[in-house]
PDB file of N, CA and C in Angstrom:
ATOM      1  N   UNK A   1     -66.712 141.386  74.444  1.00  0.00           N
ATOM      2  CA  UNK A   1     -67.920 141.056  73.721  1.00  0.00           C
ATOM      3  C   UNK A   1     -68.108 142.038  72.578  1.00  0.00           C
ATOM      4  N   UNK A   2     -68.440 141.523  71.456  1.00  0.00           N
ATOM      5  CA  UNK A   2     -68.686 142.360  70.290  1.00  0.00           C
ATOM      6  C   UNK A   2     -70.184 142.511  70.055  1.00  0.00           C
ATOM      7  N   UNK A   3     -70.576 143.720  69.787  1.00  0.00           N
ATOM      8  CA  UNK A   3     -71.949 144.004  69.392  1.00  0.00           C
ATOM      9  C   UNK A   3     -71.920 144.217  67.882  1.00  0.00           C
ATOM     10  N   UNK A   4     -72.700 143.435  67.178  1.00  0.00           N
ATOM     11  CA  UNK A   4     -72.699 143.534  65.723  1.00  0.00           C
ATOM     12  C   UNK A   4     -73.475 144.762  65.257  1.00  0.00           C
ATOM     13  N   UNK A   5     -73.222 145.138  64.038  1.00  0.00           N
ATOM     14  CA  UNK A   5     -73.974 146.243  63.440  1.00  0.00           C
ATOM     15  C   UNK A   5     -75.462 145.910  63.394  1.00  0.00           C
ATOM     16  N   UNK A   6     -75.788 144.647  63.149  1.00  0.00           N
ATOM     17  CA  UNK A   6     -77.198 144.230  63.121  1.00  0.00           C
ATOM     18  C   UNK A   6     -77.855 144.443  64.479  1.00  0.00           C
ATOM     19  N   UNK A   7     -77.139 144.125  65.555  1.00  0.00           N
ATOM     20  CA  UNK A   7     -77.678 144.319  66.896  1.00  0.00           C
ATOM     21  C   UNK A   7     -77.878 145.797  67.185  1.00  0.00           C
ATOM     22  N   UNK A   8     -76.906 146.615  66.805  1.00  0.00           N
ATOM     23  CA  UNK A   8     -77.058 148.062  66.990  1.00  0.00           C
ATOM     24  C   UNK A   8     -78.253 148.595  66.202  1.00  0.00           C
ATOM     25  N   UNK A   9     -78.452 148.076  65.012  1.00  0.00           N
ATOM     26  CA  UNK A   9     -79.596 148.493  64.199  1.00  0.00           C
ATOM     27  C   UNK A   9     -80.904 148.041  64.856  1.00  0.00           C
ATOM     28  N   UNK A  10     -80.911 146.851  65.443  1.00  0.00           N
ATOM     29  CA  UNK A  10     -82.105 146.385  66.161  1.00  0.00           C
ATOM     30  C   UNK A  10     -82.433 147.305  67.328  1.00  0.00           C
ATOM     31  N   UNK A  11     -81.406 147.708  68.077  1.00  0.00           N
ATOM     32  CA  UNK A  11     -81.610 148.627  69.199  1.00  0.00           C
ATOM     33  C   UNK A  11     -82.198 149.938  68.688  1.00  0.00           C
ATOM     34  N   UNK A  12     -81.601 150.482  67.657  1.00  0.00           N
ATOM     35  CA  UNK A  12     -82.082 151.728  67.073  1.00  0.00           C
ATOM     36  C   UNK A  12     -83.539 151.595  66.637  1.00  0.00           C
ATOM     37  N   UNK A  13     -83.854 150.516  65.934  1.00  0.00           N
ATOM     38  CA  UNK A  13     -85.211 150.324  65.430  1.00  0.00           C
ATOM     39  C   UNK A  13     -86.233 150.163  66.547  1.00  0.00           C
ATOM     40  N   UNK A  14     -85.855 149.469  67.629  1.00  0.00           N
ATOM     41  CA  UNK A  14     -86.780 149.309  68.749  1.00  0.00           C
ATOM     42  C   UNK A  14     -87.117 150.648  69.393  1.00  0.00           C
ATOM     43  N   UNK A  15     -86.135 151.499  69.529  1.00  0.00           N
ATOM     44  CA  UNK A  15     -86.375 152.827  70.099  1.00  0.00           C
ATOM     45  C   UNK A  15     -87.057 153.752  69.088  1.00  0.00           C
ATOM     46  N   UNK A  16     -86.689 153.621  67.841  1.00  0.00           N
ATOM     47  CA  UNK A  16     -87.238 154.486  66.788  1.00  0.00           C
ATOM     48  C   UNK A  16     -88.752 154.308  66.672  1.00  0.00           C
ATOM     49  N   UNK A  17     -89.223 153.116  66.946  1.00  0.00           N
ATOM     50  CA  UNK A  17     -90.648 152.828  66.839  1.00  0.00           C
ATOM     51  C   UNK A  17     -91.466 153.757  67.732  1.00  0.00           C
ATOM     52  N   UNK A  18     -91.009 153.967  68.978  1.00  0.00           N
ATOM     53  CA  UNK A  18     -91.766 154.820  69.895  1.00  0.00           C
ATOM     54  C   UNK A  18     -91.324 156.285  69.838  1.00  0.00           C
ATOM     55  N   UNK A  19     -90.077 156.530  69.456  1.00  0.00           N
ATOM     56  CA  UNK A  19     -89.497 157.876  69.371  1.00  0.00           C
ATOM     57  C   UNK A  19     -89.550 158.623  70.706  1.00  0.00           C
ATOM     58  N   UNK A  20     -89.665 157.878  71.801  1.00  0.00           N
ATOM     59  CA  UNK A  20     -89.705 158.493  73.115  1.00  0.00           C
ATOM     60  C   UNK A  20     -88.571 157.930  73.972  1.00  0.00           C
ATOM     61  N   UNK A  21     -88.191 158.696  74.978  1.00  0.00           N
ATOM     62  CA  UNK A  21     -87.184 158.215  75.920  1.00  0.00           C
ATOM     63  C   UNK A  21     -87.695 156.943  76.584  1.00  0.00           C
ATOM     64  N   UNK A  22     -86.771 156.006  76.812  1.00  0.00           N
ATOM     65  CA  UNK A  22     -87.188 154.794  77.489  1.00  0.00           C
ATOM     66  C   UNK A  22     -86.208 153.657  77.375  1.00  0.00           C
ATOM     67  N   UNK A  23     -86.559 152.571  78.045  1.00  0.00           N
ATOM     68  CA  UNK A  23     -85.746 151.361  78.157  1.00  0.00           C
ATOM     69  C   UNK A  23     -86.234 150.310  77.169  1.00  0.00           C
ATOM     70  N   UNK A  24     -85.271 149.603  76.581  1.00  0.00           N
ATOM     71  CA  UNK A  24     -85.563 148.435  75.748  1.00  0.00           C
ATOM     72  C   UNK A  24     -84.546 147.364  76.133  1.00  0.00           C
ATOM     73  N   UNK A  25     -85.005 146.128  76.226  1.00  0.00           N
ATOM     74  CA  UNK A  25     -84.104 145.008  76.498  1.00  0.00           C
ATOM     75  C   UNK A  25     -84.252 143.978  75.394  1.00  0.00           C
ATOM     76  N   UNK A  26     -83.142 143.332  75.070  1.00  0.00           N
ATOM     77  CA  UNK A  26     -83.162 142.274  74.071  1.00  0.00           C
ATOM     78  C   UNK A  26     -82.016 141.305  74.317  1.00  0.00           C
ATOM     79  N   UNK A  27     -82.112 140.150  73.691  1.00  0.00           N
ATOM     80  CA  UNK A  27     -81.060 139.149  73.756  1.00  0.00           C
ATOM     81  C   UNK A  27     -80.417 139.062  72.384  1.00  0.00           C
ATOM     82  N   UNK A  28     -79.082 139.031  72.385  1.00  0.00           N
ATOM     83  CA  UNK A  28     -78.331 138.911  71.134  1.00  0.00           C
ATOM     84  C   UNK A  28     -77.260 137.847  71.357  1.00  0.00           C
ATOM     85  N   UNK A  29     -77.469 136.697  70.753  1.00  0.00           N
ATOM     86  CA  UNK A  29     -76.515 135.615  70.964  1.00  0.00           C
ATOM     87  C   UNK A  29     -76.529 135.177  72.411  1.00  0.00           C
ATOM     88  N   UNK A  30     -75.379 135.274  73.057  1.00  0.00           N
ATOM     89  CA  UNK A  30     -75.277 134.829  74.444  1.00  0.00           C
ATOM     90  C   UNK A  30     -75.166 135.993  75.424  1.00  0.00           C
ATOM     91  N   UNK A  31     -75.719 137.127  75.053  1.00  0.00           N
ATOM     92  CA  UNK A  31     -75.721 138.275  75.956  1.00  0.00           C
ATOM     93  C   UNK A  31     -77.114 138.888  76.023  1.00  0.00           C
ATOM     94  N   UNK A  32     -77.389 139.498  77.149  1.00  0.00           N
ATOM     95  CA  UNK A  32     -78.580 140.321  77.303  1.00  0.00           C
ATOM     96  C   UNK A  32     -78.141 141.767  77.162  1.00  0.00           C
ATOM     97  N   UNK A  33     -78.995 142.550  76.582  1.00  0.00           N
ATOM     98  CA  UNK A  33     -78.698 143.965  76.404  1.00  0.00           C
ATOM     99  C   UNK A  33     -79.884 144.744  76.927  1.00  0.00           C
ATOM    100  N   UNK A  34     -79.591 145.749  77.711  1.00  0.00           N
ATOM    101  CA  UNK A  34     -80.626 146.704  78.080  1.00  0.00           C
ATOM    102  C   UNK A  34     -80.106 148.077  77.692  1.00  0.00           C
ATOM    103  N   UNK A  35     -80.961 148.865  77.116  1.00  0.00           N
ATOM    104  CA  UNK A  35     -80.530 150.134  76.559  1.00  0.00           C
ATOM    105  C   UNK A  35     -81.538 151.228  76.893  1.00  0.00           C
ATOM    106  N   UNK A  36     -81.020 152.412  77.112  1.00  0.00           N
ATOM    107  CA  UNK A  36     -81.866 153.560  77.392  1.00  0.00           C
ATOM    108  C   UNK A  36     -81.662 154.594  76.294  1.00  0.00           C
ATOM    109  N   UNK A  37     -82.765 155.063  75.750  1.00  0.00           N
ATOM    110  CA  UNK A  37     -82.735 156.127  74.744  1.00  0.00           C
ATOM    111  C   UNK A  37     -83.203 157.408  75.409  1.00  0.00           C
ATOM    112  N   UNK A  38     -82.426 158.474  75.247  1.00  0.00           N
ATOM    113  CA  UNK A  38     -82.713 159.738  75.918  1.00  0.00           C
ATOM    114  C   UNK A  38     -83.879 160.506  75.303  1.00  0.00           C
ATOM    115  N   UNK A  39     -84.333 160.087  74.141  1.00  0.00           N
ATOM    116  CA  UNK A  39     -85.412 160.783  73.453  1.00  0.00           C
ATOM    117  C   UNK A  39     -84.882 161.697  72.370  1.00  0.00           C
ATOM    118  N   UNK A  40     -85.796 162.256  71.596  1.00  0.00           N
ATOM    119  CA  UNK A  40     -85.419 163.074  70.435  1.00  0.00           C
ATOM    120  C   UNK A  40     -84.625 164.315  70.811  1.00  0.00           C
ATOM    121  N   UNK A  41     -84.880 164.874  71.986  1.00  0.00           N
ATOM    122  CA  UNK A  41     -84.220 166.126  72.362  1.00  0.00           C
ATOM    123  C   UNK A  41     -82.701 165.974  72.445  1.00  0.00           C
ATOM    124  N   UNK A  42     -82.240 164.899  73.069  1.00  0.00           N
ATOM    125  CA  UNK A  42     -80.799 164.680  73.191  1.00  0.00           C
ATOM    126  C   UNK A  42     -80.296 163.640  72.195  1.00  0.00           C
ATOM    127  N   UNK A  43     -81.130 162.641  71.896  1.00  0.00           N
ATOM    128  CA  UNK A  43     -80.863 161.641  70.866  1.00  0.00           C
ATOM    129  C   UNK A  43     -79.597 160.811  71.126  1.00  0.00           C
ATOM    130  N   UNK A  44     -79.495 160.260  72.352  1.00  0.00           N
ATOM    131  CA  UNK A  44     -78.383 159.379  72.707  1.00  0.00           C
ATOM    132  C   UNK A  44     -78.910 158.050  73.215  1.00  0.00           C
ATOM    133  N   UNK A  45     -78.102 157.026  73.007  1.00  0.00           N
ATOM    134  CA  UNK A  45     -78.393 155.689  73.495  1.00  0.00           C
ATOM    135  C   UNK A  45     -77.303 155.305  74.499  1.00  0.00           C
ATOM    136  N   UNK A  46     -77.699 154.769  75.641  1.00  0.00           N
ATOM    137  CA  UNK A  46     -76.749 154.218  76.604  1.00  0.00           C
ATOM    138  C   UNK A  46     -77.052 152.727  76.681  1.00  0.00           C
ATOM    139  N   UNK A  47     -76.039 151.910  76.392  1.00  0.00           N
ATOM    140  CA  UNK A  47     -76.234 150.470  76.271  1.00  0.00           C
ATOM    141  C   UNK A  47     -75.477 149.760  77.378  1.00  0.00           C
ATOM    142  N   UNK A  48     -76.163 148.851  78.064  1.00  0.00           N
ATOM    143  CA  UNK A  48     -75.565 148.035  79.111  1.00  0.00           C
ATOM    144  C   UNK A  48     -75.583 146.585  78.641  1.00  0.00           C
ATOM    145  N   UNK A  49     -74.415 145.978  78.581  1.00  0.00           N
ATOM    146  CA  UNK A  49     -74.277 144.593  78.124  1.00  0.00           C
ATOM    147  C   UNK A  49     -74.202 143.691  79.349  1.00  0.00           C
ATOM    148  N   UNK A  50     -75.059 142.686  79.386  1.00  0.00           N
ATOM    149  CA  UNK A  50     -75.171 141.795  80.535  1.00  0.00           C
ATOM    150  C   UNK A  50     -74.904 140.352  80.142  1.00  0.00           C
ATOM    151  N   UNK A  51     -74.587 139.530  81.129  1.00  0.00           N
ATOM    152  CA  UNK A  51     -74.501 138.090  80.909  1.00  0.00           C
ATOM    153  C   UNK A  51     -75.908 137.524  80.759  1.00  0.00           C
ATOM    154  N   UNK A  52     -75.996 136.321  80.216  1.00  0.00           N
ATOM    155  CA  UNK A  52     -77.303 135.685  80.031  1.00  0.00           C
ATOM    156  C   UNK A  52     -78.032 135.456  81.354  1.00  0.00           C
ATOM    157  N   UNK A  53     -77.292 135.263  82.430  1.00  0.00           N
ATOM    158  CA  UNK A  53     -77.935 134.984  83.716  1.00  0.00           C
ATOM    159  C   UNK A  53     -78.438 136.251  84.416  1.00  0.00           C
ATOM    160  N   UNK A  54     -78.043 137.408  83.913  1.00  0.00           N
ATOM    161  CA  UNK A  54     -78.479 138.669  84.515  1.00  0.00           C
ATOM    162  C   UNK A  54     -79.810 139.106  83.906  1.00  0.00           C
ATOM    163  N   UNK A  55     -80.696 139.546  84.756  1.00  0.00           N
ATOM    164  CA  UNK A  55     -82.017 139.986  84.323  1.00  0.00           C
ATOM    165  C   UNK A  55     -81.977 141.479  83.999  1.00  0.00           C
ATOM    166  N   UNK A  56     -82.231 141.857  82.752  1.00  0.00           N
ATOM    167  CA  UNK A  56     -82.199 143.277  82.375  1.00  0.00           C
ATOM    168  C   UNK A  56     -83.105 144.158  83.236  1.00  0.00           C
ATOM    169  N   UNK A  57     -84.223 143.622  83.702  1.00  0.00           N
ATOM    170  CA  UNK A  57     -85.140 144.407  84.523  1.00  0.00           C
ATOM    171  C   UNK A  57     -84.487 144.868  85.823  1.00  0.00           C
ATOM    172  N   UNK A  58     -83.521 144.098  86.328  1.00  0.00           N
ATOM    173  CA  UNK A  58     -82.823 144.472  87.559  1.00  0.00           C
ATOM    174  C   UNK A  58     -82.019 145.763  87.396  1.00  0.00           C
ATOM    175  N   UNK A  59     -81.702 146.113  86.176  1.00  0.00           N
ATOM    176  CA  UNK A  59     -80.814 147.239  85.901  1.00  0.00           C
ATOM    177  C   UNK A  59     -81.527 148.477  85.371  1.00  0.00           C
ATOM    178  N   UNK A  60     -82.822 148.390  85.162  1.00  0.00           N
ATOM    179  CA  UNK A  60     -83.541 149.477  84.491  1.00  0.00           C
ATOM    180  C   UNK A  60     -83.441 150.812  85.218  1.00  0.00           C
ATOM    181  N   UNK A  61     -83.764 150.853  86.491  1.00  0.00           N
ATOM    182  CA  UNK A  61     -83.737 152.128  87.223  1.00  0.00           C
ATOM    183  C   UNK A  61     -82.327 152.696  87.280  1.00  0.00           C
ATOM    184  N   UNK A  62     -81.347 151.830  87.534  1.00  0.00           N
ATOM    185  CA  UNK A  62     -79.959 152.286  87.567  1.00  0.00           C
ATOM    186  C   UNK A  62     -79.505 152.822  86.223  1.00  0.00           C
ATOM    187  N   UNK A  63     -79.926 152.180  85.151  1.00  0.00           N
ATOM    188  CA  UNK A  63     -79.553 152.635  83.816  1.00  0.00           C
ATOM    189  C   UNK A  63     -80.172 153.995  83.497  1.00  0.00           C
ATOM    190  N   UNK A  64     -81.388 154.204  83.931  1.00  0.00           N
ATOM    191  CA  UNK A  64     -82.034 155.504  83.717  1.00  0.00           C
ATOM    192  C   UNK A  64     -81.257 156.585  84.464  1.00  0.00           C
ATOM    193  N   UNK A  65     -80.908 156.316  85.715  1.00  0.00           N
ATOM    194  CA  UNK A  65     -80.146 157.294  86.513  1.00  0.00           C
ATOM    195  C   UNK A  65     -78.798 157.599  85.868  1.00  0.00           C
ATOM    196  N   UNK A  66     -78.090 156.557  85.480  1.00  0.00           N
ATOM    197  CA  UNK A  66     -76.761 156.727  84.895  1.00  0.00           C
ATOM    198  C   UNK A  66     -76.844 157.422  83.537  1.00  0.00           C
ATOM    199  N   UNK A  67     -77.856 157.089  82.759  1.00  0.00           N
ATOM    200  CA  UNK A  67     -78.041 157.742  81.460  1.00  0.00           C
ATOM    201  C   UNK A  67     -78.266 159.238  81.634  1.00  0.00           C
ATOM    202  N   UNK A  68     -79.009 159.599  82.670  1.00  0.00           N
ATOM    203  CA  UNK A  68     -79.250 161.009  82.954  1.00  0.00           C
ATOM    204  C   UNK A  68     -77.939 161.713  83.313  1.00  0.00           C
ATOM    205  N   UNK A  69     -77.125 161.070  84.132  1.00  0.00           N
ATOM    206  CA  UNK A  69     -75.827 161.642  84.508  1.00  0.00           C
ATOM    207  C   UNK A  69     -74.946 161.821  83.273  1.00  0.00           C
ATOM    208  N   UNK A  70     -74.896 160.791  82.438  1.00  0.00           N
ATOM    209  CA  UNK A  70     -74.074 160.859  81.226  1.00  0.00           C
ATOM    210  C   UNK A  70     -74.567 161.967  80.302  1.00  0.00           C
ATOM    211  N   UNK A  71     -75.873 161.993  80.051  1.00  0.00           N
ATOM    212  CA  UNK A  71     -76.390 162.988  79.103  1.00  0.00           C
ATOM    213  C   UNK A  71     -76.238 164.418  79.629  1.00  0.00           C
ATOM    214  N   UNK A  72     -76.215 164.590  80.927  1.00  0.00           N
ATOM    215  CA  UNK A  72     -76.007 165.923  81.499  1.00  0.00           C
ATOM    216  C   UNK A  72     -74.536 166.329  81.544  1.00  0.00           C
ATOM    217  N   UNK A  73     -73.652 165.408  81.189  1.00  0.00           N
ATOM    218  CA  UNK A  73     -72.218 165.691  81.224  1.00  0.00           C
ATOM    219  C   UNK A  73     -71.547 165.449  79.878  1.00  0.00           C
ATOM    220  N   UNK A  74     -72.299 165.601  78.802  1.00  0.00           N
ATOM    221  CA  UNK A  74     -71.754 165.413  77.462  1.00  0.00           C
ATOM    222  C   UNK A  74     -70.831 166.558  77.050  1.00  0.00           C
ATOM    223  N   UNK A  75     -71.148 167.736  77.538  1.00  0.00           N
ATOM    224  CA  UNK A  75     -70.344 168.904  77.192  1.00  0.00           C
ATOM    225  C   UNK A  75     -68.905 168.667  77.638  1.00  0.00           C
ATOM    226  N   UNK A  76     -67.998 168.886  76.735  1.00  0.00           N
ATOM    227  CA  UNK A  76     -66.569 168.704  76.985  1.00  0.00           C
ATOM    228  C   UNK A  76     -66.228 167.274  77.412  1.00  0.00           C
ATOM    229  N   UNK A  77     -67.137 166.351  77.120  1.00  0.00           N
ATOM    230  CA  UNK A  77     -66.939 164.919  77.383  1.00  0.00           C
ATOM    231  C   UNK A  77     -66.601 164.623  78.843  1.00  0.00           C
ATOM    232  N   UNK A  78     -67.205 165.361  79.753  1.00  0.00           N
ATOM    233  CA  UNK A  78     -66.976 165.156  81.187  1.00  0.00           C
ATOM    234  C   UNK A  78     -67.415 163.769  81.656  1.00  0.00           C
ATOM    235  N   UNK A  79     -68.404 163.183  80.977  1.00  0.00           N
ATOM    236  CA  UNK A  79     -68.906 161.873  81.370  1.00  0.00           C
ATOM    237  C   UNK A  79     -67.839 160.786  81.294  1.00  0.00           C
ATOM    238  N   UNK A  80     -66.834 160.954  80.440  1.00  0.00           N
ATOM    239  CA  UNK A  80     -65.821 159.911  80.234  1.00  0.00           C
ATOM    240  C   UNK A  80     -65.107 159.577  81.537  1.00  0.00           C
ATOM    241  N   UNK A  81     -64.715 160.579  82.288  1.00  0.00           N
ATOM    242  CA  UNK A  81     -64.020 160.317  83.551  1.00  0.00           C
ATOM    243  C   UNK A  81     -64.959 159.725  84.601  1.00  0.00           C
ATOM    244  N   UNK A  82     -66.248 159.862  84.411  1.00  0.00           N
ATOM    245  CA  UNK A  82     -67.234 159.327  85.342  1.00  0.00           C
ATOM    246  C   UNK A  82     -67.563 157.860  85.087  1.00  0.00           C
ATOM    247  N   UNK A  83     -67.266 157.355  83.900  1.00  0.00           N
ATOM    248  CA  UNK A  83     -67.689 156.013  83.510  1.00  0.00           C
ATOM    249  C   UNK A  83     -67.267 154.918  84.486  1.00  0.00           C
ATOM    250  N   UNK A  84     -66.017 154.886  84.964  1.00  0.00           N
ATOM    251  CA  UNK A  84     -65.667 153.814  85.908  1.00  0.00           C
ATOM    252  C   UNK A  84     -66.539 153.809  87.170  1.00  0.00           C
ATOM    253  N   UNK A  85     -66.799 154.972  87.738  1.00  0.00           N
ATOM    254  CA  UNK A  85     -67.619 155.007  88.953  1.00  0.00           C
ATOM    255  C   UNK A  85     -69.089 154.696  88.634  1.00  0.00           C
ATOM    256  N   UNK A  86     -69.562 155.117  87.482  1.00  0.00           N
ATOM    257  CA  UNK A  86     -70.935 154.795  87.081  1.00  0.00           C
ATOM    258  C   UNK A  86     -71.099 153.300  86.855  1.00  0.00           C
ATOM    259  N   UNK A  87     -70.084 152.685  86.265  1.00  0.00           N
ATOM    260  CA  UNK A  87     -70.119 151.238  86.061  1.00  0.00           C
ATOM    261  C   UNK A  87     -70.171 150.521  87.410  1.00  0.00           C
ATOM    262  N   UNK A  88     -69.336 150.939  88.344  1.00  0.00           N
ATOM    263  CA  UNK A  88     -69.340 150.321  89.677  1.00  0.00           C
ATOM    264  C   UNK A  88     -70.693 150.511  90.349  1.00  0.00           C
ATOM    265  N   UNK A  89     -71.249 151.691  90.203  1.00  0.00           N
ATOM    266  CA  UNK A  89     -72.541 151.995  90.815  1.00  0.00           C
ATOM    267  C   UNK A  89     -73.623 151.041  90.333  1.00  0.00           C
ATOM    268  N   UNK A  90     -73.696 150.825  89.050  1.00  0.00           N
ATOM    269  CA  UNK A  90     -74.770 149.974  88.517  1.00  0.00           C
ATOM    270  C   UNK A  90     -74.475 148.491  88.705  1.00  0.00           C
ATOM    271  N   UNK A  91     -73.209 148.102  88.714  1.00  0.00           N
ATOM    272  CA  UNK A  91     -72.896 146.677  88.809  1.00  0.00           C
ATOM    273  C   UNK A  91     -72.804 146.172  90.245  1.00  0.00           C
ATOM    274  N   UNK A  92     -72.556 147.047  91.206  1.00  0.00           N
ATOM    275  CA  UNK A  92     -72.414 146.605  92.590  1.00  0.00           C
ATOM    276  C   UNK A  92     -73.713 146.110  93.205  1.00  0.00           C
ATOM    277  N   UNK A  93     -74.808 146.724  92.875  1.00  0.00           N
ATOM    278  CA  UNK A  93     -76.060 146.343  93.526  1.00  0.00           C
ATOM    279  C   UNK A  93     -77.257 146.528  92.618  1.00  0.00           C
ATOM    280  N   UNK A  94     -77.380 145.694  91.578  1.00  0.00           N
ATOM    281  CA  UNK A  94     -78.536 145.847  90.698  1.00  0.00           C
ATOM    282  C   UNK A  94     -79.853 145.523  91.406  1.00  0.00           C
ATOM    283  N   UNK A  95     -79.776 144.744  92.482  1.00  0.00           N
ATOM    284  CA  UNK A  95     -81.013 144.361  93.178  1.00  0.00           C
ATOM    285  C   UNK A  95     -81.670 145.558  93.837  1.00  0.00           C
ATOM    286  N   UNK A  96     -80.937 146.653  94.048  1.00  0.00           N
ATOM    287  CA  UNK A  96     -81.540 147.841  94.658  1.00  0.00           C
ATOM    288  C   UNK A  96     -82.637 148.399  93.775  1.00  0.00           C
ATOM    289  N   UNK A  97     -82.633 147.963  92.521  1.00  0.00           N
ATOM    290  CA  UNK A  97     -83.631 148.465  91.580  1.00  0.00           C
ATOM    291  C   UNK A  97     -84.935 147.664  91.621  1.00  0.00           C
ATOM    292  N   UNK A  98     -84.938 146.546  92.322  1.00  0.00           N
ATOM    293  CA  UNK A  98     -86.138 145.721  92.372  1.00  0.00           C
ATOM    294  C   UNK A  98     -87.132 146.305  93.366  1.00  0.00           C
ATOM    295  N   UNK A  99     -88.391 146.194  93.033  1.00  0.00           N
ATOM    296  CA  UNK A  99     -89.432 146.632  93.957  1.00  0.00           C
ATOM    297  C   UNK A  99     -89.538 145.640  95.109  1.00  0.00           C
ATOM    298  N   UNK A 100     -89.727 146.156  96.310  1.00  0.00           N
ATOM    299  CA  UNK A 100     -89.865 145.282  97.492  1.00  0.00           C
ATOM    300  C   UNK A 100     -91.272 144.762  97.622  1.00  0.00           C
TER     301      UNK A 100
END
């Protein structure tokens, strides 16, 4: 799946409006996107690309957790080796993020 420059700019603009850490979800073509912005202090975006049938809200808590892990392991790019396990973590059970 390709994310266009326009979509990336939309993500940036949605987060830029509040300038605070947080989640934003949007639809671009035939994909759902949920993204977490770490805030001005770290200034990173973690983007999760979903199918149209997947509900971005199901992934919010997991994305926040994973974004924290990634942002805490940026030094020496340690997060790169963690990506496969982080992907499995968030994709195996997104329903764990739903409130009971």
